[in-house]
Amino acid sequence: WDSALSNLNYIKRMFTRSGNYGALKNYLLTILTPLY
């Protein structure tokens, strides 16, 4: 998880201010919710 999220963090930062961020956010929540 640490390895994966370290890399996904870059993608997240690059998309934060784009119109596609909502889709990325929902996708990340889908995979993170079971861990939480």
PDB file of all heavy atoms in Angstrom:
ATOM      1  N   TRP A   1       0.824  -1.203   0.000  1.00  0.00           N
ATOM      2  CA  TRP A   1       0.000   0.000   0.000  1.00  0.00           C
ATOM      3  C   TRP A   1       0.861   1.256   0.000  1.00  0.00           C
ATOM      4  O   TRP A   1       0.589   2.224  -0.719  1.00  0.00           O
ATOM      5  CB  TRP A   1      -0.923   0.021   1.232  1.00  0.00           C
ATOM      6  CG  TRP A   1      -2.259  -0.608   0.989  1.00  0.00           C
ATOM      7  CD1 TRP A   1      -2.715  -1.796   1.455  1.00  0.00           C
ATOM      8  CD2 TRP A   1      -3.327  -0.060   0.203  1.00  0.00           C
ATOM      9  NE1 TRP A   1      -3.989  -2.034   1.015  1.00  0.00           N
ATOM     10  CE2 TRP A   1      -4.397  -0.988   0.247  1.00  0.00           C
ATOM     11  CE3 TRP A   1      -3.479   1.109  -0.524  1.00  0.00           C
ATOM     12  CZ2 TRP A   1      -5.595  -0.763  -0.403  1.00  0.00           C
ATOM     13  CZ3 TRP A   1      -4.682   1.335  -1.190  1.00  0.00           C
ATOM     14  CH2 TRP A   1      -5.717   0.404  -1.115  1.00  0.00           C
ATOM     15  N   ASP A   2       1.893   1.253   0.807  1.00  0.00           N
ATOM     16  CA  ASP A   2       2.772   2.413   0.886  1.00  0.00           C
ATOM     17  C   ASP A   2       3.417   2.700  -0.462  1.00  0.00           C
ATOM     18  O   ASP A   2       3.484   3.850  -0.911  1.00  0.00           O
ATOM     19  CB  ASP A   2       3.854   2.168   1.943  1.00  0.00           C
ATOM     20  CG  ASP A   2       4.785   3.347   2.099  1.00  0.00           C
ATOM     21  OD1 ASP A   2       4.298   4.469   2.330  1.00  0.00           O
ATOM     22  OD2 ASP A   2       6.018   3.160   1.989  1.00  0.00           O
ATOM     23  N   SER A   3       3.867   1.654  -1.129  1.00  0.00           N
ATOM     24  CA  SER A   3       4.491   1.806  -2.443  1.00  0.00           C
ATOM     25  C   SER A   3       3.489   2.316  -3.472  1.00  0.00           C
ATOM     26  O   SER A   3       3.785   3.240  -4.242  1.00  0.00           O
ATOM     27  CB  SER A   3       5.069   0.461  -2.896  1.00  0.00           C
ATOM     28  OG  SER A   3       5.633   0.567  -4.173  1.00  0.00           O
ATOM     29  N   ALA A   4       2.306   1.733  -3.469  1.00  0.00           N
ATOM     30  CA  ALA A   4       1.282   2.114  -4.446  1.00  0.00           C
ATOM     31  C   ALA A   4       0.826   3.558  -4.252  1.00  0.00           C
ATOM     32  O   ALA A   4       0.746   4.338  -5.201  1.00  0.00           O
ATOM     33  CB  ALA A   4       0.086   1.174  -4.340  1.00  0.00           C
ATOM     34  N   LEU A   5       0.552   3.937  -3.005  1.00  0.00           N
ATOM     35  CA  LEU A   5       0.034   5.279  -2.749  1.00  0.00           C
ATOM     36  C   LEU A   5       1.093   6.360  -2.952  1.00  0.00           C
ATOM     37  O   LEU A   5       0.766   7.486  -3.313  1.00  0.00           O
ATOM     38  CB  LEU A   5      -0.542   5.356  -1.334  1.00  0.00           C
ATOM     39  CG  LEU A   5      -1.821   4.525  -1.113  1.00  0.00           C
ATOM     40  CD1 LEU A   5      -2.300   4.654   0.324  1.00  0.00           C
ATOM     41  CD2 LEU A   5      -2.922   4.952  -2.077  1.00  0.00           C
ATOM     42  N   SER A   6       2.350   6.003  -2.742  1.00  0.00           N
ATOM     43  CA  SER A   6       3.425   6.965  -3.008  1.00  0.00           C
ATOM     44  C   SER A   6       3.426   7.357  -4.477  1.00  0.00           C
ATOM     45  O   SER A   6       3.665   8.523  -4.835  1.00  0.00           O
ATOM     46  CB  SER A   6       4.785   6.370  -2.617  1.00  0.00           C
ATOM     47  OG  SER A   6       4.871   6.180  -1.227  1.00  0.00           O
ATOM     48  N   ASN A   7       3.161   6.396  -5.338  1.00  0.00           N
ATOM     49  CA  ASN A   7       3.118   6.671  -6.774  1.00  0.00           C
ATOM     50  C   ASN A   7       1.789   7.301  -7.197  1.00  0.00           C
ATOM     51  O   ASN A   7       1.765   8.210  -8.034  1.00  0.00           O
ATOM     52  CB  ASN A   7       3.356   5.380  -7.561  1.00  0.00           C
ATOM     53  CG  ASN A   7       4.802   4.931  -7.500  1.00  0.00           C
ATOM     54  OD1 ASN A   7       5.668   5.444  -8.195  1.00  0.00           O
ATOM     55  ND2 ASN A   7       5.089   3.962  -6.628  1.00  0.00           N
ATOM     56  N   LEU A   8       0.694   6.836  -6.616  1.00  0.00           N
ATOM     57  CA  LEU A   8      -0.606   7.408  -6.948  1.00  0.00           C
ATOM     58  C   LEU A   8      -0.720   8.857  -6.480  1.00  0.00           C
ATOM     59  O   LEU A   8      -1.486   9.639  -7.050  1.00  0.00           O
ATOM     60  CB  LEU A   8      -1.722   6.570  -6.312  1.00  0.00           C
ATOM     61  CG  LEU A   8      -2.021   5.223  -6.983  1.00  0.00           C
ATOM     62  CD1 LEU A   8      -2.966   4.397  -6.108  1.00  0.00           C
ATOM     63  CD2 LEU A   8      -2.621   5.439  -8.364  1.00  0.00           C
ATOM     64  N   ASN A   9       0.059   9.218  -5.471  1.00  0.00           N
ATOM     65  CA  ASN A   9       0.001  10.586  -4.961  1.00  0.00           C
ATOM     66  C   ASN A   9       0.403  11.595  -6.030  1.00  0.00           C
ATOM     67  O   ASN A   9      -0.174  12.678  -6.119  1.00  0.00           O
ATOM     68  CB  ASN A   9       0.916  10.727  -3.746  1.00  0.00           C
ATOM     69  CG  ASN A   9       0.769  12.077  -3.068  1.00  0.00           C
ATOM     70  OD1 ASN A   9      -0.343  12.525  -2.802  1.00  0.00           O
ATOM     71  ND2 ASN A   9       1.883  12.735  -2.792  1.00  0.00           N
ATOM     72  N   TYR A  10       1.393  11.247  -6.846  1.00  0.00           N
ATOM     73  CA  TYR A  10       1.808  12.150  -7.921  1.00  0.00           C
ATOM     74  C   TYR A  10       0.663  12.350  -8.919  1.00  0.00           C
ATOM     75  O   TYR A  10       0.368  13.479  -9.328  1.00  0.00           O
ATOM     76  CB  TYR A  10       3.031  11.596  -8.639  1.00  0.00           C
ATOM     77  CG  TYR A  10       3.432  12.410  -9.856  1.00  0.00           C
ATOM     78  CD1 TYR A  10       4.110  13.616  -9.711  1.00  0.00           C
ATOM     79  CD2 TYR A  10       3.087  11.977 -11.138  1.00  0.00           C
ATOM     80  CE1 TYR A  10       4.445  14.377 -10.816  1.00  0.00           C
ATOM     81  CE2 TYR A  10       3.423  12.731 -12.248  1.00  0.00           C
ATOM     82  CZ  TYR A  10       4.106  13.931 -12.089  1.00  0.00           C
ATOM     83  OH  TYR A  10       4.425  14.686 -13.191  1.00  0.00           O
ATOM     84  N   ILE A  11       0.017  11.246  -9.299  1.00  0.00           N
ATOM     85  CA  ILE A  11      -1.104  11.328 -10.240  1.00  0.00           C
ATOM     86  C   ILE A  11      -2.221  12.173  -9.652  1.00  0.00           C
ATOM     87  O   ILE A  11      -2.805  13.030 -10.323  1.00  0.00           O
ATOM     88  CB  ILE A  11      -1.616   9.911 -10.582  1.00  0.00           C
ATOM     89  CG1 ILE A  11      -0.520   9.109 -11.283  1.00  0.00           C
ATOM     90  CG2 ILE A  11      -2.866   9.986 -11.461  1.00  0.00           C
ATOM     91  CD1 ILE A  11      -0.871   7.670 -11.529  1.00  0.00           C
ATOM     92  N   LYS A  12      -2.507  11.960  -8.379  1.00  0.00           N
ATOM     93  CA  LYS A  12      -3.565  12.720  -7.702  1.00  0.00           C
ATOM     94  C   LYS A  12      -3.250  14.214  -7.723  1.00  0.00           C
ATOM     95  O   LYS A  12      -4.120  15.038  -8.012  1.00  0.00           O
ATOM     96  CB  LYS A  12      -3.712  12.225  -6.268  1.00  0.00           C
ATOM     97  CG  LYS A  12      -4.730  12.997  -5.435  1.00  0.00           C
ATOM     98  CD  LYS A  12      -4.796  12.421  -4.037  1.00  0.00           C
ATOM     99  CE  LYS A  12      -5.664  13.268  -3.141  1.00  0.00           C
ATOM    100  NZ  LYS A  12      -5.081  14.609  -2.908  1.00  0.00           N
ATOM    101  N   ARG A  13      -2.013  14.582  -7.415  1.00  0.00           N
ATOM    102  CA  ARG A  13      -1.650  16.003  -7.392  1.00  0.00           C
ATOM    103  C   ARG A  13      -1.775  16.635  -8.769  1.00  0.00           C
ATOM    104  O   ARG A  13      -2.179  17.787  -8.897  1.00  0.00           O
ATOM    105  CB  ARG A  13      -0.215  16.168  -6.868  1.00  0.00           C
ATOM    106  CG  ARG A  13      -0.102  15.990  -5.361  1.00  0.00           C
ATOM    107  CD  ARG A  13       1.239  16.469  -4.821  1.00  0.00           C
ATOM    108  NE  ARG A  13       2.348  15.621  -5.235  1.00  0.00           N
ATOM    109  CZ  ARG A  13       3.326  15.983  -6.048  1.00  0.00           C
ATOM    110  NH1 ARG A  13       3.334  17.194  -6.573  1.00  0.00           N
ATOM    111  NH2 ARG A  13       4.311  15.153  -6.344  1.00  0.00           N
ATOM    112  N   MET A  14      -1.446  15.875  -9.803  1.00  0.00           N
ATOM    113  CA  MET A  14      -1.510  16.413 -11.157  1.00  0.00           C
ATOM    114  C   MET A  14      -2.951  16.605 -11.636  1.00  0.00           C
ATOM    115  O   MET A  14      -3.233  17.449 -12.483  1.00  0.00           O
ATOM    116  CB  MET A  14      -0.769  15.489 -12.139  1.00  0.00           C
ATOM    117  CG  MET A  14       0.745  15.453 -11.951  1.00  0.00           C
ATOM    118  SD  MET A  14       1.548  17.069 -12.191  1.00  0.00           S
ATOM    119  CE  MET A  14       1.820  17.596 -10.495  1.00  0.00           C
ATOM    120  N   PHE A  15      -3.878  15.823 -11.080  1.00  0.00           N
ATOM    121  CA  PHE A  15      -5.274  15.895 -11.519  1.00  0.00           C
ATOM    122  C   PHE A  15      -6.156  16.762 -10.627  1.00  0.00           C
ATOM    123  O   PHE A  15      -7.299  17.046 -10.990  1.00  0.00           O
ATOM    124  CB  PHE A  15      -5.883  14.482 -11.568  1.00  0.00           C
ATOM    125  CG  PHE A  15      -5.629  13.745 -12.851  1.00  0.00           C
ATOM    126  CD1 PHE A  15      -4.439  13.057 -13.042  1.00  0.00           C
ATOM    127  CD2 PHE A  15      -6.562  13.740 -13.868  1.00  0.00           C
ATOM    128  CE1 PHE A  15      -4.189  12.380 -14.223  1.00  0.00           C
ATOM    129  CE2 PHE A  15      -6.330  13.066 -15.057  1.00  0.00           C
ATOM    130  CZ  PHE A  15      -5.137  12.379 -15.241  1.00  0.00           C
ATOM    131  N   THR A  16      -5.639  17.190  -9.482  1.00  0.00           N
ATOM    132  CA  THR A  16      -6.462  17.874  -8.489  1.00  0.00           C
ATOM    133  C   THR A  16      -7.225  19.061  -9.049  1.00  0.00           C
ATOM    134  O   THR A  16      -8.376  19.314  -8.684  1.00  0.00           O
ATOM    135  CB  THR A  16      -5.593  18.337  -7.296  1.00  0.00           C
ATOM    136  OG1 THR A  16      -5.023  17.177  -6.672  1.00  0.00           O
ATOM    137  CG2 THR A  16      -6.427  19.084  -6.273  1.00  0.00           C
ATOM    138  N   ARG A  17      -6.615  19.803  -9.965  1.00  0.00           N
ATOM    139  CA  ARG A  17      -7.245  21.020 -10.485  1.00  0.00           C
ATOM    140  C   ARG A  17      -7.838  20.820 -11.880  1.00  0.00           C
ATOM    141  O   ARG A  17      -8.133  21.789 -12.575  1.00  0.00           O
ATOM    142  CB  ARG A  17      -6.214  22.160 -10.503  1.00  0.00           C
ATOM    143  CG  ARG A  17      -5.763  22.567  -9.117  1.00  0.00           C
ATOM    144  CD  ARG A  17      -4.620  23.582  -9.124  1.00  0.00           C
ATOM    145  NE  ARG A  17      -3.379  22.992  -9.610  1.00  0.00           N
ATOM    146  CZ  ARG A  17      -2.718  23.424 -10.671  1.00  0.00           C
ATOM    147  NH1 ARG A  17      -3.183  24.432 -11.380  1.00  0.00           N
ATOM    148  NH2 ARG A  17      -1.590  22.843 -11.046  1.00  0.00           N
ATOM    149  N   SER A  18      -8.015  19.557 -12.284  1.00  0.00           N
ATOM    150  CA  SER A  18      -8.577  19.275 -13.607  1.00  0.00           C
ATOM    151  C   SER A  18     -10.028  18.820 -13.489  1.00  0.00           C
ATOM    152  O   SER A  18     -10.489  18.421 -12.416  1.00  0.00           O
ATOM    153  CB  SER A  18      -7.755  18.182 -14.303  1.00  0.00           C
ATOM    154  OG  SER A  18      -8.072  16.907 -13.774  1.00  0.00           O
ATOM    155  N   GLY A  19     -10.715  18.853 -14.616  1.00  0.00           N
ATOM    156  CA  GLY A  19     -12.117  18.429 -14.632  1.00  0.00           C
ATOM    157  C   GLY A  19     -12.297  16.940 -14.422  1.00  0.00           C
ATOM    158  O   GLY A  19     -13.406  16.479 -14.143  1.00  0.00           O
ATOM    159  N   ASN A  20     -11.212  16.188 -14.547  1.00  0.00           N
ATOM    160  CA  ASN A  20     -11.283  14.732 -14.381  1.00  0.00           C
ATOM    161  C   ASN A  20     -11.027  14.281 -12.944  1.00  0.00           C
ATOM    162  O   ASN A  20     -11.053  13.090 -12.661  1.00  0.00           O
ATOM    163  CB  ASN A  20     -10.247  14.050 -15.296  1.00  0.00           C
ATOM    164  CG  ASN A  20     -10.538  14.294 -16.764  1.00  0.00           C
ATOM    165  OD1 ASN A  20     -11.679  14.211 -17.199  1.00  0.00           O
ATOM    166  ND2 ASN A  20      -9.506  14.613 -17.542  1.00  0.00           N
ATOM    167  N   TYR A  21     -10.780  15.238 -12.057  1.00  0.00           N
ATOM    168  CA  TYR A  21     -10.421  14.851 -10.695  1.00  0.00           C
ATOM    169  C   TYR A  21     -11.541  14.087  -9.996  1.00  0.00           C
ATOM    170  O   TYR A  21     -11.288  13.176  -9.217  1.00  0.00           O
ATOM    171  CB  TYR A  21     -10.053  16.084  -9.867  1.00  0.00           C
ATOM    172  CG  TYR A  21      -9.725  15.738  -8.429  1.00  0.00           C
ATOM    173  CD1 TYR A  21      -8.583  15.008  -8.118  1.00  0.00           C
ATOM    174  CD2 TYR A  21     -10.579  16.114  -7.386  1.00  0.00           C
ATOM    175  CE1 TYR A  21      -8.284  14.672  -6.810  1.00  0.00           C
ATOM    176  CE2 TYR A  21     -10.288  15.789  -6.075  1.00  0.00           C
ATOM    177  CZ  TYR A  21      -9.141  15.078  -5.789  1.00  0.00           C
ATOM    178  OH  TYR A  21      -8.854  14.735  -4.483  1.00  0.00           O
ATOM    179  N   GLY A  22     -12.788  14.450 -10.258  1.00  0.00           N
ATOM    180  CA  GLY A  22     -13.912  13.775  -9.610  1.00  0.00           C
ATOM    181  C   GLY A  22     -13.903  12.279  -9.870  1.00  0.00           C
ATOM    182  O   GLY A  22     -14.118  11.474  -8.956  1.00  0.00           O
ATOM    183  N   ALA A  23     -13.632  11.897 -11.109  1.00  0.00           N
ATOM    184  CA  ALA A  23     -13.592  10.471 -11.463  1.00  0.00           C
ATOM    185  C   ALA A  23     -12.431   9.779 -10.764  1.00  0.00           C
ATOM    186  O   ALA A  23     -12.568   8.657 -10.265  1.00  0.00           O
ATOM    187  CB  ALA A  23     -13.476  10.318 -12.979  1.00  0.00           C
ATOM    188  N   LEU A  24     -11.273  10.455 -10.738  1.00  0.00           N
ATOM    189  CA  LEU A  24     -10.105   9.870 -10.069  1.00  0.00           C
ATOM    190  C   LEU A  24     -10.369   9.726  -8.571  1.00  0.00           C
ATOM    191  O   LEU A  24     -10.037   8.692  -7.973  1.00  0.00           O
ATOM    192  CB  LEU A  24      -8.871  10.740 -10.304  1.00  0.00           C
ATOM    193  CG  LEU A  24      -7.596  10.280  -9.586  1.00  0.00           C
ATOM    194  CD1 LEU A  24      -7.158   8.913 -10.101  1.00  0.00           C
ATOM    195  CD2 LEU A  24      -6.472  11.306  -9.758  1.00  0.00           C
ATOM    196  N   LYS A  25     -10.971  10.746  -7.979  1.00  0.00           N
ATOM    197  CA  LYS A  25     -11.281  10.705  -6.550  1.00  0.00           C
ATOM    198  C   LYS A  25     -12.198   9.530  -6.222  1.00  0.00           C
ATOM    199  O   LYS A  25     -11.958   8.789  -5.250  1.00  0.00           O
ATOM    200  CB  LYS A  25     -11.936  12.025  -6.141  1.00  0.00           C
ATOM    201  CG  LYS A  25     -12.400  12.078  -4.692  1.00  0.00           C
ATOM    202  CD  LYS A  25     -13.111  13.398  -4.424  1.00  0.00           C
ATOM    203  CE  LYS A  25     -13.721  13.423  -3.029  1.00  0.00           C
ATOM    204  NZ  LYS A  25     -14.462  14.678  -2.779  1.00  0.00           N
ATOM    205  N   ASN A  26     -13.237   9.333  -7.016  1.00  0.00           N
ATOM    206  CA  ASN A  26     -14.155   8.219  -6.781  1.00  0.00           C
ATOM    207  C   ASN A  26     -13.459   6.879  -6.932  1.00  0.00           C
ATOM    208  O   ASN A  26     -13.710   5.933  -6.172  1.00  0.00           O
ATOM    209  CB  ASN A  26     -15.338   8.302  -7.745  1.00  0.00           C
ATOM    210  CG  ASN A  26     -16.259   9.468  -7.435  1.00  0.00           C
ATOM    211  OD1 ASN A  26     -16.313   9.939  -6.302  1.00  0.00           O
ATOM    212  ND2 ASN A  26     -16.982   9.949  -8.439  1.00  0.00           N
ATOM    213  N   TYR A  27     -12.559   6.793  -7.922  1.00  0.00           N
ATOM    214  CA  TYR A  27     -11.806   5.554  -8.132  1.00  0.00           C
ATOM    215  C   TYR A  27     -10.912   5.258  -6.937  1.00  0.00           C
ATOM    216  O   TYR A  27     -10.872   4.128  -6.436  1.00  0.00           O
ATOM    217  CB  TYR A  27     -10.968   5.664  -9.411  1.00  0.00           C
ATOM    218  CG  TYR A  27      -9.974   4.541  -9.570  1.00  0.00           C
ATOM    219  CD1 TYR A  27     -10.397   3.267  -9.935  1.00  0.00           C
ATOM    220  CD2 TYR A  27      -8.615   4.750  -9.342  1.00  0.00           C
ATOM    221  CE1 TYR A  27      -9.496   2.226 -10.062  1.00  0.00           C
ATOM    222  CE2 TYR A  27      -7.706   3.712  -9.478  1.00  0.00           C
ATOM    223  CZ  TYR A  27      -8.153   2.459  -9.834  1.00  0.00           C
ATOM    224  OH  TYR A  27      -7.251   1.423  -9.957  1.00  0.00           O
ATOM    225  N   LEU A  28     -10.205   6.277  -6.459  1.00  0.00           N
ATOM    226  CA  LEU A  28      -9.305   6.087  -5.319  1.00  0.00           C
ATOM    227  C   LEU A  28     -10.082   5.692  -4.066  1.00  0.00           C
ATOM    228  O   LEU A  28      -9.641   4.840  -3.289  1.00  0.00           O
ATOM    229  CB  LEU A  28      -8.511   7.369  -5.063  1.00  0.00           C
ATOM    230  CG  LEU A  28      -7.463   7.730  -6.122  1.00  0.00           C
ATOM    231  CD1 LEU A  28      -6.869   9.103  -5.839  1.00  0.00           C
ATOM    232  CD2 LEU A  28      -6.362   6.671  -6.177  1.00  0.00           C
ATOM    233  N   LEU A  29     -11.251   6.291  -3.877  1.00  0.00           N
ATOM    234  CA  LEU A  29     -12.073   5.924  -2.720  1.00  0.00           C
ATOM    235  C   LEU A  29     -12.557   4.482  -2.807  1.00  0.00           C
ATOM    236  O   LEU A  29     -12.674   3.791  -1.789  1.00  0.00           O
ATOM    237  CB  LEU A  29     -13.265   6.875  -2.598  1.00  0.00           C
ATOM    238  CG  LEU A  29     -12.971   8.236  -1.965  1.00  0.00           C
ATOM    239  CD1 LEU A  29     -14.179   9.150  -2.066  1.00  0.00           C
ATOM    240  CD2 LEU A  29     -12.556   8.074  -0.499  1.00  0.00           C
ATOM    241  N   THR A  30     -12.794   4.031  -4.029  1.00  0.00           N
ATOM    242  CA  THR A  30     -13.245   2.643  -4.219  1.00  0.00           C
ATOM    243  C   THR A  30     -12.208   1.655  -3.727  1.00  0.00           C
ATOM    244  O   THR A  30     -12.529   0.656  -3.079  1.00  0.00           O
ATOM    245  CB  THR A  30     -13.545   2.380  -5.708  1.00  0.00           C
ATOM    246  OG1 THR A  30     -14.611   3.232  -6.131  1.00  0.00           O
ATOM    247  CG2 THR A  30     -13.942   0.926  -5.929  1.00  0.00           C
ATOM    248  N   ILE A  31     -10.941   1.941  -4.017  1.00  0.00           N
ATOM    249  CA  ILE A  31      -9.900   0.994  -3.600  1.00  0.00           C
ATOM    250  C   ILE A  31      -9.429   1.244  -2.159  1.00  0.00           C
ATOM    251  O   ILE A  31      -8.905   0.341  -1.508  1.00  0.00           O
ATOM    252  CB  ILE A  31      -8.683   1.013  -4.555  1.00  0.00           C
ATOM    253  CG1 ILE A  31      -8.026   2.393  -4.591  1.00  0.00           C
ATOM    254  CG2 ILE A  31      -9.103   0.587  -5.956  1.00  0.00           C
ATOM    255  CD1 ILE A  31      -6.758   2.428  -5.447  1.00  0.00           C
ATOM    256  N   LEU A  32      -9.640   2.471  -1.646  1.00  0.00           N
ATOM    257  CA  LEU A  32      -9.163   2.801  -0.307  1.00  0.00           C
ATOM    258  C   LEU A  32     -10.167   2.498   0.802  1.00  0.00           C
ATOM    259  O   LEU A  32      -9.781   2.244   1.938  1.00  0.00           O
ATOM    260  CB  LEU A  32      -8.796   4.286  -0.228  1.00  0.00           C
ATOM    261  CG  LEU A  32      -7.379   4.651  -0.656  1.00  0.00           C
ATOM    262  CD1 LEU A  32      -7.282   6.134  -0.976  1.00  0.00           C
ATOM    263  CD2 LEU A  32      -6.389   4.283   0.439  1.00  0.00           C
ATOM    264  N   THR A  33     -11.449   2.513   0.474  1.00  0.00           N
ATOM    265  CA  THR A  33     -12.471   2.323   1.504  1.00  0.00           C
ATOM    266  C   THR A  33     -12.316   1.007   2.273  1.00  0.00           C
ATOM    267  O   THR A  33     -12.402   1.002   3.512  1.00  0.00           O
ATOM    268  CB  THR A  33     -13.882   2.427   0.899  1.00  0.00           C
ATOM    269  OG1 THR A  33     -14.054   3.736   0.334  1.00  0.00           O
ATOM    270  CG2 THR A  33     -14.946   2.221   1.960  1.00  0.00           C
ATOM    271  N   PRO A  34     -12.070  -0.126   1.595  1.00  0.00           N
ATOM    272  CA  PRO A  34     -11.876  -1.367   2.360  1.00  0.00           C
ATOM    273  C   PRO A  34     -10.697  -1.285   3.331  1.00  0.00           C
ATOM    274  O   PRO A  34     -10.765  -1.812   4.447  1.00  0.00           O
ATOM    275  CB  PRO A  34     -11.617  -2.415   1.264  1.00  0.00           C
ATOM    276  CG  PRO A  34     -12.287  -1.863   0.050  1.00  0.00           C
ATOM    277  CD  PRO A  34     -12.068  -0.385   0.136  1.00  0.00           C
ATOM    278  N   LEU A  35      -9.630  -0.605   2.928  1.00  0.00           N
ATOM    279  CA  LEU A  35      -8.472  -0.445   3.810  1.00  0.00           C
ATOM    280  C   LEU A  35      -8.844   0.407   5.014  1.00  0.00           C
ATOM    281  O   LEU A  35      -8.517   0.062   6.159  1.00  0.00           O
ATOM    282  CB  LEU A  35      -7.313   0.206   3.052  1.00  0.00           C
ATOM    283  CG  LEU A  35      -6.043   0.464   3.882  1.00  0.00           C
ATOM    284  CD1 LEU A  35      -5.388  -0.850   4.253  1.00  0.00           C
ATOM    285  CD2 LEU A  35      -5.069   1.351   3.109  1.00  0.00           C
ATOM    286  N   TYR A  36      -9.538   1.506   4.771  1.00  0.00           N
ATOM    287  CA  TYR A  36      -9.960   2.391   5.855  1.00  0.00           C
ATOM    288  C   TYR A  36     -10.837   1.633   6.853  1.00  0.00           C
ATOM    289  O   TYR A  36     -10.656   1.740   8.074  1.00  0.00           O
ATOM    290  CB  TYR A  36     -10.729   3.581   5.273  1.00  0.00           C
ATOM    291  CG  TYR A  36     -11.359   4.480   6.315  1.00  0.00           C
ATOM    292  CD1 TYR A  36     -10.623   5.490   6.923  1.00  0.00           C
ATOM    293  CD2 TYR A  36     -12.696   4.306   6.702  1.00  0.00           C
ATOM    294  CE1 TYR A  36     -11.199   6.315   7.880  1.00  0.00           C
ATOM    295  CE2 TYR A  36     -13.268   5.127   7.654  1.00  0.00           C
ATOM    296  CZ  TYR A  36     -12.519   6.118   8.242  1.00  0.00           C
ATOM    297  OH  TYR A  36     -13.092   6.929   9.197  1.00  0.00           O
TER     298      TYR A  36
END
